[in-house]
PDB file of all heavy atoms in Angstrom:
ATOM      1  N   LEU A   1       8.799 -11.821  -5.571  1.00  0.00           N
ATOM      2  CA  LEU A   1       8.806 -13.049  -6.371  1.00  0.00           C
ATOM      3  C   LEU A   1       7.392 -13.427  -6.806  1.00  0.00           C
ATOM      4  O   LEU A   1       7.150 -13.672  -7.992  1.00  0.00           O
ATOM      5  CB  LEU A   1       9.435 -14.199  -5.575  1.00  0.00           C
ATOM      6  CG  LEU A   1       9.395 -15.565  -6.248  1.00  0.00           C
ATOM      7  CD1 LEU A   1      10.234 -15.571  -7.512  1.00  0.00           C
ATOM      8  CD2 LEU A   1       9.848 -16.648  -5.289  1.00  0.00           C
ATOM      9  N   VAL A   2       6.470 -13.469  -5.859  1.00  0.00           N
ATOM     10  CA  VAL A   2       5.086 -13.836  -6.191  1.00  0.00           C
ATOM     11  C   VAL A   2       4.494 -12.827  -7.178  1.00  0.00           C
ATOM     12  O   VAL A   2       3.881 -13.203  -8.178  1.00  0.00           O
ATOM     13  CB  VAL A   2       4.224 -13.941  -4.919  1.00  0.00           C
ATOM     14  CG1 VAL A   2       2.754 -14.128  -5.268  1.00  0.00           C
ATOM     15  CG2 VAL A   2       4.716 -15.079  -4.034  1.00  0.00           C
ATOM     16  N   ALA A   3       4.702 -11.551  -6.923  1.00  0.00           N
ATOM     17  CA  ALA A   3       4.158 -10.520  -7.810  1.00  0.00           C
ATOM     18  C   ALA A   3       4.772 -10.599  -9.200  1.00  0.00           C
ATOM     19  O   ALA A   3       4.078 -10.391 -10.193  1.00  0.00           O
ATOM     20  CB  ALA A   3       4.388  -9.136  -7.205  1.00  0.00           C
ATOM     21  N   SER A   4       6.061 -10.937  -9.293  1.00  0.00           N
ATOM     22  CA  SER A   4       6.701 -11.010 -10.608  1.00  0.00           C
ATOM     23  C   SER A   4       6.143 -12.167 -11.434  1.00  0.00           C
ATOM     24  O   SER A   4       6.047 -12.069 -12.653  1.00  0.00           O
ATOM     25  CB  SER A   4       8.216 -11.140 -10.472  1.00  0.00           C
ATOM     26  OG  SER A   4       8.584 -12.413  -9.980  1.00  0.00           O
ATOM     27  N   VAL A   5       5.759 -13.238 -10.773  1.00  0.00           N
ATOM     28  CA  VAL A   5       5.172 -14.376 -11.481  1.00  0.00           C
ATOM     29  C   VAL A   5       3.758 -14.033 -11.958  1.00  0.00           C
ATOM     30  O   VAL A   5       3.352 -14.425 -13.042  1.00  0.00           O
ATOM     31  CB  VAL A   5       5.145 -15.625 -10.564  1.00  0.00           C
ATOM     32  CG1 VAL A   5       4.336 -16.748 -11.187  1.00  0.00           C
ATOM     33  CG2 VAL A   5       6.555 -16.093 -10.259  1.00  0.00           C
ATOM     34  N   LEU A   6       3.034 -13.262 -11.172  1.00  0.00           N
ATOM     35  CA  LEU A   6       1.638 -12.962 -11.472  1.00  0.00           C
ATOM     36  C   LEU A   6       1.415 -11.623 -12.160  1.00  0.00           C
ATOM     37  O   LEU A   6       0.359 -11.404 -12.749  1.00  0.00           O
ATOM     38  CB  LEU A   6       0.834 -12.949 -10.159  1.00  0.00           C
ATOM     39  CG  LEU A   6       0.824 -14.230  -9.354  1.00  0.00           C
ATOM     40  CD1 LEU A   6       0.167 -13.993  -8.013  1.00  0.00           C
ATOM     41  CD2 LEU A   6       0.126 -15.331 -10.123  1.00  0.00           C
ATOM     42  N   ASP A   7       2.371 -10.737 -12.101  1.00  0.00           N
ATOM     43  CA  ASP A   7       2.177  -9.332 -12.433  1.00  0.00           C
ATOM     44  C   ASP A   7       1.613  -9.049 -13.822  1.00  0.00           C
ATOM     45  O   ASP A   7       0.778  -8.167 -13.970  1.00  0.00           O
ATOM     46  CB  ASP A   7       3.488  -8.566 -12.247  1.00  0.00           C
ATOM     47  CG  ASP A   7       3.247  -7.098 -11.980  1.00  0.00           C
ATOM     48  OD1 ASP A   7       2.152  -6.759 -11.492  1.00  0.00           O
ATOM     49  OD2 ASP A   7       4.143  -6.302 -12.270  1.00  0.00           O
ATOM     50  N   ASP A   8       2.008  -9.749 -14.840  1.00  0.00           N
ATOM     51  CA  ASP A   8       1.535  -9.449 -16.191  1.00  0.00           C
ATOM     52  C   ASP A   8       0.045  -9.704 -16.372  1.00  0.00           C
ATOM     53  O   ASP A   8      -0.621  -9.016 -17.137  1.00  0.00           O
ATOM     54  CB  ASP A   8       2.310 -10.264 -17.225  1.00  0.00           C
ATOM     55  CG  ASP A   8       3.748  -9.797 -17.354  1.00  0.00           C
ATOM     56  OD1 ASP A   8       4.044  -8.657 -16.952  1.00  0.00           O
ATOM     57  OD2 ASP A   8       4.571 -10.581 -17.848  1.00  0.00           O
ATOM     58  N   ASN A   9      -0.470 -10.685 -15.686  1.00  0.00           N
ATOM     59  CA  ASN A   9      -1.866 -11.065 -15.882  1.00  0.00           C
ATOM     60  C   ASN A   9      -2.803 -10.621 -14.766  1.00  0.00           C
ATOM     61  O   ASN A   9      -4.018 -10.711 -14.914  1.00  0.00           O
ATOM     62  CB  ASN A   9      -1.967 -12.584 -16.023  1.00  0.00           C
ATOM     63  CG  ASN A   9      -1.172 -13.087 -17.206  1.00  0.00           C
ATOM     64  OD1 ASN A   9      -1.325 -12.574 -18.303  1.00  0.00           O
ATOM     65  ND2 ASN A   9      -0.318 -14.051 -16.992  1.00  0.00           N
ATOM     66  N   TYR A  10      -2.238 -10.173 -13.652  1.00  0.00           N
ATOM     67  CA  TYR A  10      -3.038  -9.834 -12.480  1.00  0.00           C
ATOM     68  C   TYR A  10      -2.587  -8.511 -11.887  1.00  0.00           C
ATOM     69  O   TYR A  10      -1.449  -8.111 -12.037  1.00  0.00           O
ATOM     70  CB  TYR A  10      -2.908 -10.922 -11.404  1.00  0.00           C
ATOM     71  CG  TYR A  10      -3.265 -12.289 -11.918  1.00  0.00           C
ATOM     72  CD1 TYR A  10      -2.277 -13.167 -12.357  1.00  0.00           C
ATOM     73  CD2 TYR A  10      -4.588 -12.703 -11.976  1.00  0.00           C
ATOM     74  CE1 TYR A  10      -2.607 -14.427 -12.846  1.00  0.00           C
ATOM     75  CE2 TYR A  10      -4.924 -13.957 -12.460  1.00  0.00           C
ATOM     76  CZ  TYR A  10      -3.928 -14.810 -12.894  1.00  0.00           C
ATOM     77  OH  TYR A  10      -4.257 -16.039 -13.375  1.00  0.00           O
ATOM     78  N   GLU A  11      -3.484  -7.865 -11.181  1.00  0.00           N
ATOM     79  CA  GLU A  11      -3.138  -6.656 -10.443  1.00  0.00           C
ATOM     80  C   GLU A  11      -2.793  -7.075  -9.022  1.00  0.00           C
ATOM     81  O   GLU A  11      -3.659  -7.542  -8.271  1.00  0.00           O
ATOM     82  CB  GLU A  11      -4.321  -5.699 -10.435  1.00  0.00           C
ATOM     83  CG  GLU A  11      -4.056  -4.420  -9.702  1.00  0.00           C
ATOM     84  CD  GLU A  11      -5.273  -3.522  -9.658  1.00  0.00           C
ATOM     85  OE1 GLU A  11      -6.167  -3.655 -10.510  1.00  0.00           O
ATOM     86  OE2 GLU A  11      -5.325  -2.689  -8.742  1.00  0.00           O
ATOM     87  N   CYS A  12      -1.519  -6.954  -8.646  1.00  0.00           N
ATOM     88  CA  CYS A  12      -1.051  -7.403  -7.336  1.00  0.00           C
ATOM     89  C   CYS A  12      -0.774  -6.211  -6.425  1.00  0.00           C
ATOM     90  O   CYS A  12      -0.259  -5.189  -6.870  1.00  0.00           O
ATOM     91  CB  CYS A  12       0.232  -8.212  -7.476  1.00  0.00           C
ATOM     92  SG  CYS A  12       0.039  -9.728  -8.411  1.00  0.00           S
ATOM     93  N   TYR A  13      -1.132  -6.373  -5.169  1.00  0.00           N
ATOM     94  CA  TYR A  13      -0.749  -5.415  -4.146  1.00  0.00           C
ATOM     95  C   TYR A  13      -0.486  -6.198  -2.876  1.00  0.00           C
ATOM     96  O   TYR A  13      -0.858  -7.364  -2.777  1.00  0.00           O
ATOM     97  CB  TYR A  13      -1.782  -4.301  -3.978  1.00  0.00           C
ATOM     98  CG  TYR A  13      -3.187  -4.726  -3.629  1.00  0.00           C
ATOM     99  CD1 TYR A  13      -3.713  -4.449  -2.387  1.00  0.00           C
ATOM    100  CD2 TYR A  13      -4.003  -5.372  -4.553  1.00  0.00           C
ATOM    101  CE1 TYR A  13      -5.012  -4.805  -2.058  1.00  0.00           C
ATOM    102  CE2 TYR A  13      -5.293  -5.736  -4.244  1.00  0.00           C
ATOM    103  CZ  TYR A  13      -5.799  -5.452  -2.989  1.00  0.00           C
ATOM    104  OH  TYR A  13      -7.077  -5.806  -2.668  1.00  0.00           O
ATOM    105  N   ALA A  14       0.213  -5.591  -1.908  1.00  0.00           N
ATOM    106  CA  ALA A  14       0.711  -6.367  -0.784  1.00  0.00           C
ATOM    107  C   ALA A  14       0.559  -5.644   0.545  1.00  0.00           C
ATOM    108  O   ALA A  14       0.473  -4.420   0.608  1.00  0.00           O
ATOM    109  CB  ALA A  14       2.181  -6.700  -1.013  1.00  0.00           C
ATOM    110  N   ALA A  15       0.545  -6.463   1.603  1.00  0.00           N
ATOM    111  CA  ALA A  15       0.582  -5.984   2.984  1.00  0.00           C
ATOM    112  C   ALA A  15       1.577  -6.861   3.735  1.00  0.00           C
ATOM    113  O   ALA A  15       1.728  -8.047   3.435  1.00  0.00           O
ATOM    114  CB  ALA A  15      -0.794  -6.073   3.625  1.00  0.00           C
ATOM    115  N   ALA A  16       2.251  -6.271   4.727  1.00  0.00           N
ATOM    116  CA  ALA A  16       3.301  -6.983   5.449  1.00  0.00           C
ATOM    117  C   ALA A  16       2.813  -7.675   6.716  1.00  0.00           C
ATOM    118  O   ALA A  16       3.570  -8.393   7.363  1.00  0.00           O
ATOM    119  CB  ALA A  16       4.435  -6.013   5.805  1.00  0.00           C
ATOM    120  N   ASN A  17       1.551  -7.476   7.078  1.00  0.00           N
ATOM    121  CA  ASN A  17       1.011  -8.164   8.264  1.00  0.00           C
ATOM    122  C   ASN A  17      -0.506  -8.257   8.133  1.00  0.00           C
ATOM    123  O   ASN A  17      -1.118  -7.622   7.275  1.00  0.00           O
ATOM    124  CB  ASN A  17       1.421  -7.439   9.553  1.00  0.00           C
ATOM    125  CG  ASN A  17       0.880  -6.030   9.636  1.00  0.00           C
ATOM    126  OD1 ASN A  17      -0.320  -5.830   9.725  1.00  0.00           O
ATOM    127  ND2 ASN A  17       1.767  -5.048   9.586  1.00  0.00           N
ATOM    128  N   GLY A  18      -1.095  -9.048   9.002  1.00  0.00           N
ATOM    129  CA  GLY A  18      -2.533  -9.289   8.925  1.00  0.00           C
ATOM    130  C   GLY A  18      -3.392  -8.065   9.177  1.00  0.00           C
ATOM    131  O   GLY A  18      -4.446  -7.912   8.571  1.00  0.00           O
ATOM    132  N   MET A  19      -2.941  -7.183  10.061  1.00  0.00           N
ATOM    133  CA  MET A  19      -3.723  -5.987  10.354  1.00  0.00           C
ATOM    134  C   MET A  19      -3.838  -5.094   9.116  1.00  0.00           C
ATOM    135  O   MET A  19      -4.928  -4.650   8.760  1.00  0.00           O
ATOM    136  CB  MET A  19      -3.080  -5.200  11.505  1.00  0.00           C
ATOM    137  CG  MET A  19      -3.928  -4.040  11.979  1.00  0.00           C
ATOM    138  SD  MET A  19      -5.516  -4.529  12.702  1.00  0.00           S
ATOM    139  CE  MET A  19      -4.964  -5.234  14.231  1.00  0.00           C
ATOM    140  N   ASP A  20      -2.711  -4.865   8.442  1.00  0.00           N
ATOM    141  CA  ASP A  20      -2.748  -4.091   7.201  1.00  0.00           C
ATOM    142  C   ASP A  20      -3.528  -4.844   6.126  1.00  0.00           C
ATOM    143  O   ASP A  20      -4.211  -4.244   5.301  1.00  0.00           O
ATOM    144  CB  ASP A  20      -1.337  -3.785   6.704  1.00  0.00           C
ATOM    145  CG  ASP A  20      -0.612  -2.786   7.598  1.00  0.00           C
ATOM    146  OD1 ASP A  20      -1.280  -2.067   8.382  1.00  0.00           O
ATOM    147  OD2 ASP A  20       0.625  -2.724   7.515  1.00  0.00           O
ATOM    148  N   GLY A  21      -3.432  -6.166   6.151  1.00  0.00           N
ATOM    149  CA  GLY A  21      -4.166  -6.988   5.193  1.00  0.00           C
ATOM    150  C   GLY A  21      -5.670  -6.851   5.337  1.00  0.00           C
ATOM    151  O   GLY A  21      -6.397  -6.792   4.341  1.00  0.00           O
ATOM    152  N   ILE A  22      -6.154  -6.766   6.582  1.00  0.00           N
ATOM    153  CA  ILE A  22      -7.588  -6.554   6.825  1.00  0.00           C
ATOM    154  C   ILE A  22      -8.024  -5.235   6.195  1.00  0.00           C
ATOM    155  O   ILE A  22      -9.026  -5.164   5.486  1.00  0.00           O
ATOM    156  CB  ILE A  22      -7.908  -6.561   8.334  1.00  0.00           C
ATOM    157  CG1 ILE A  22      -7.744  -7.954   8.923  1.00  0.00           C
ATOM    158  CG2 ILE A  22      -9.310  -6.012   8.608  1.00  0.00           C
ATOM    159  CD1 ILE A  22      -8.821  -8.943   8.563  1.00  0.00           C
ATOM    160  N   LYS A  23      -7.251  -4.181   6.465  1.00  0.00           N
ATOM    161  CA  LYS A  23      -7.598  -2.861   5.930  1.00  0.00           C
ATOM    162  C   LYS A  23      -7.634  -2.878   4.405  1.00  0.00           C
ATOM    163  O   LYS A  23      -8.579  -2.386   3.790  1.00  0.00           O
ATOM    164  CB  LYS A  23      -6.590  -1.817   6.420  1.00  0.00           C
ATOM    165  CG  LYS A  23      -6.653  -1.575   7.897  1.00  0.00           C
ATOM    166  CD  LYS A  23      -5.528  -0.660   8.342  1.00  0.00           C
ATOM    167  CE  LYS A  23      -5.449  -0.602   9.854  1.00  0.00           C
ATOM    168  NZ  LYS A  23      -4.257   0.119  10.317  1.00  0.00           N
ATOM    169  N   LEU A  24      -6.595  -3.455   3.789  1.00  0.00           N
ATOM    170  CA  LEU A  24      -6.544  -3.499   2.324  1.00  0.00           C
ATOM    171  C   LEU A  24      -7.629  -4.402   1.746  1.00  0.00           C
ATOM    172  O   LEU A  24      -8.155  -4.135   0.666  1.00  0.00           O
ATOM    173  CB  LEU A  24      -5.172  -3.961   1.848  1.00  0.00           C
ATOM    174  CG  LEU A  24      -4.034  -2.954   2.008  1.00  0.00           C
ATOM    175  CD1 LEU A  24      -2.717  -3.574   1.570  1.00  0.00           C
ATOM    176  CD2 LEU A  24      -4.312  -1.705   1.199  1.00  0.00           C
ATOM    177  N   SER A  25      -7.967  -5.471   2.445  1.00  0.00           N
ATOM    178  CA  SER A  25      -9.028  -6.379   1.972  1.00  0.00           C
ATOM    179  C   SER A  25     -10.374  -5.679   1.925  1.00  0.00           C
ATOM    180  O   SER A  25     -11.145  -5.852   0.981  1.00  0.00           O
ATOM    181  CB  SER A  25      -9.142  -7.598   2.886  1.00  0.00           C
ATOM    182  OG  SER A  25      -7.979  -8.364   2.840  1.00  0.00           O
ATOM    183  N   LEU A  26     -10.648  -4.903   2.947  1.00  0.00           N
ATOM    184  CA  LEU A  26     -11.934  -4.222   3.009  1.00  0.00           C
ATOM    185  C   LEU A  26     -12.001  -3.048   2.038  1.00  0.00           C
ATOM    186  O   LEU A  26     -13.058  -2.756   1.488  1.00  0.00           O
ATOM    187  CB  LEU A  26     -12.210  -3.756   4.439  1.00  0.00           C
ATOM    188  CG  LEU A  26     -12.336  -4.893   5.466  1.00  0.00           C
ATOM    189  CD1 LEU A  26     -12.484  -4.329   6.866  1.00  0.00           C
ATOM    190  CD2 LEU A  26     -13.484  -5.819   5.133  1.00  0.00           C
ATOM    191  N   LEU A  27     -10.871  -2.393   1.798  1.00  0.00           N
ATOM    192  CA  LEU A  27     -10.847  -1.255   0.876  1.00  0.00           C
ATOM    193  C   LEU A  27     -10.646  -1.667  -0.574  1.00  0.00           C
ATOM    194  O   LEU A  27     -11.253  -1.093  -1.473  1.00  0.00           O
ATOM    195  CB  LEU A  27      -9.726  -0.281   1.274  1.00  0.00           C
ATOM    196  CG  LEU A  27      -9.884   0.428   2.612  1.00  0.00           C
ATOM    197  CD1 LEU A  27      -8.634   1.228   2.929  1.00  0.00           C
ATOM    198  CD2 LEU A  27     -11.109   1.321   2.603  1.00  0.00           C
ATOM    199  N   GLY A  28      -9.767  -2.650  -0.805  1.00  0.00           N
ATOM    200  CA  GLY A  28      -9.375  -2.986  -2.163  1.00  0.00           C
ATOM    201  C   GLY A  28     -10.158  -4.088  -2.821  1.00  0.00           C
ATOM    202  O   GLY A  28     -10.016  -4.319  -4.006  1.00  0.00           O
ATOM    203  N   GLU A  29     -10.986  -4.785  -2.074  1.00  0.00           N
ATOM    204  CA  GLU A  29     -11.805  -5.874  -2.597  1.00  0.00           C
ATOM    205  C   GLU A  29     -11.031  -6.820  -3.519  1.00  0.00           C
ATOM    206  O   GLU A  29     -11.312  -6.914  -4.713  1.00  0.00           O
ATOM    207  CB  GLU A  29     -13.026  -5.311  -3.313  1.00  0.00           C
ATOM    208  CG  GLU A  29     -13.927  -4.511  -2.423  1.00  0.00           C
ATOM    209  CD  GLU A  29     -15.150  -3.971  -3.139  1.00  0.00           C
ATOM    210  OE1 GLU A  29     -15.319  -4.224  -4.347  1.00  0.00           O
ATOM    211  OE2 GLU A  29     -15.943  -3.291  -2.487  1.00  0.00           O
ATOM    212  N   PRO A  30     -10.065  -7.560  -2.953  1.00  0.00           N
ATOM    213  CA  PRO A  30      -9.302  -8.492  -3.785  1.00  0.00           C
ATOM    214  C   PRO A  30     -10.164  -9.662  -4.240  1.00  0.00           C
ATOM    215  O   PRO A  30     -11.122 -10.049  -3.573  1.00  0.00           O
ATOM    216  CB  PRO A  30      -8.196  -8.962  -2.846  1.00  0.00           C
ATOM    217  CG  PRO A  30      -8.774  -8.817  -1.478  1.00  0.00           C
ATOM    218  CD  PRO A  30      -9.656  -7.601  -1.546  1.00  0.00           C
ATOM    219  N   ASP A  31      -9.809 -10.221  -5.396  1.00  0.00           N
ATOM    220  CA  ASP A  31     -10.467 -11.429  -5.892  1.00  0.00           C
ATOM    221  C   ASP A  31      -9.847 -12.676  -5.270  1.00  0.00           C
ATOM    222  O   ASP A  31     -10.498 -13.713  -5.162  1.00  0.00           O
ATOM    223  CB  ASP A  31     -10.333 -11.502  -7.421  1.00  0.00           C
ATOM    224  CG  ASP A  31     -11.040 -10.343  -8.101  1.00  0.00           C
ATOM    225  OD1 ASP A  31     -12.259 -10.196  -7.894  1.00  0.00           O
ATOM    226  OD2 ASP A  31     -10.364  -9.582  -8.814  1.00  0.00           O
ATOM    227  N   LEU A  32      -8.575 -12.549  -4.879  1.00  0.00           N
ATOM    228  CA  LEU A  32      -7.823 -13.670  -4.304  1.00  0.00           C
ATOM    229  C   LEU A  32      -6.841 -13.110  -3.297  1.00  0.00           C
ATOM    230  O   LEU A  32      -6.271 -12.035  -3.509  1.00  0.00           O
ATOM    231  CB  LEU A  32      -7.068 -14.425  -5.405  1.00  0.00           C
ATOM    232  CG  LEU A  32      -6.145 -15.559  -4.975  1.00  0.00           C
ATOM    233  CD1 LEU A  32      -6.958 -16.752  -4.485  1.00  0.00           C
ATOM    234  CD2 LEU A  32      -5.250 -15.966  -6.126  1.00  0.00           C
ATOM    235  N   ILE A  33      -6.630 -13.842  -2.191  1.00  0.00           N
ATOM    236  CA  ILE A  33      -5.641 -13.452  -1.191  1.00  0.00           C
ATOM    237  C   ILE A  33      -4.670 -14.600  -1.015  1.00  0.00           C
ATOM    238  O   ILE A  33      -5.077 -15.739  -0.768  1.00  0.00           O
ATOM    239  CB  ILE A  33      -6.307 -13.119   0.157  1.00  0.00           C
ATOM    240  CG1 ILE A  33      -7.287 -11.964  -0.007  1.00  0.00           C
ATOM    241  CG2 ILE A  33      -5.241 -12.801   1.211  1.00  0.00           C
ATOM    242  CD1 ILE A  33      -8.141 -11.682   1.216  1.00  0.00           C
ATOM    243  N   VAL A  34      -3.375 -14.299  -1.153  1.00  0.00           N
ATOM    244  CA  VAL A  34      -2.308 -15.256  -0.880  1.00  0.00           C
ATOM    245  C   VAL A  34      -1.735 -14.837   0.463  1.00  0.00           C
ATOM    246  O   VAL A  34      -1.215 -13.726   0.604  1.00  0.00           O
ATOM    247  CB  VAL A  34      -1.213 -15.220  -1.975  1.00  0.00           C
ATOM    248  CG1 VAL A  34      -0.089 -16.167  -1.629  1.00  0.00           C
ATOM    249  CG2 VAL A  34      -1.803 -15.537  -3.332  1.00  0.00           C
ATOM    250  N   CYS A  35      -1.836 -15.704   1.470  1.00  0.00           N
ATOM    251  CA  CYS A  35      -1.533 -15.293   2.839  1.00  0.00           C
ATOM    252  C   CYS A  35      -0.477 -16.178   3.491  1.00  0.00           C
ATOM    253  O   CYS A  35      -0.627 -17.396   3.546  1.00  0.00           O
ATOM    254  CB  CYS A  35      -2.826 -15.337   3.653  1.00  0.00           C
ATOM    255  SG  CYS A  35      -2.643 -14.799   5.347  1.00  0.00           S
TER     256      CYS A  35
END
């Protein structure tokens, strides 16, 4: 749902828990995190 609202204007990717989120944050350098 969140990605469908944002998808056209933003590059969205997701993690299902905080541990995976840490890894993706450090590798993917997001501009914004919705947590």
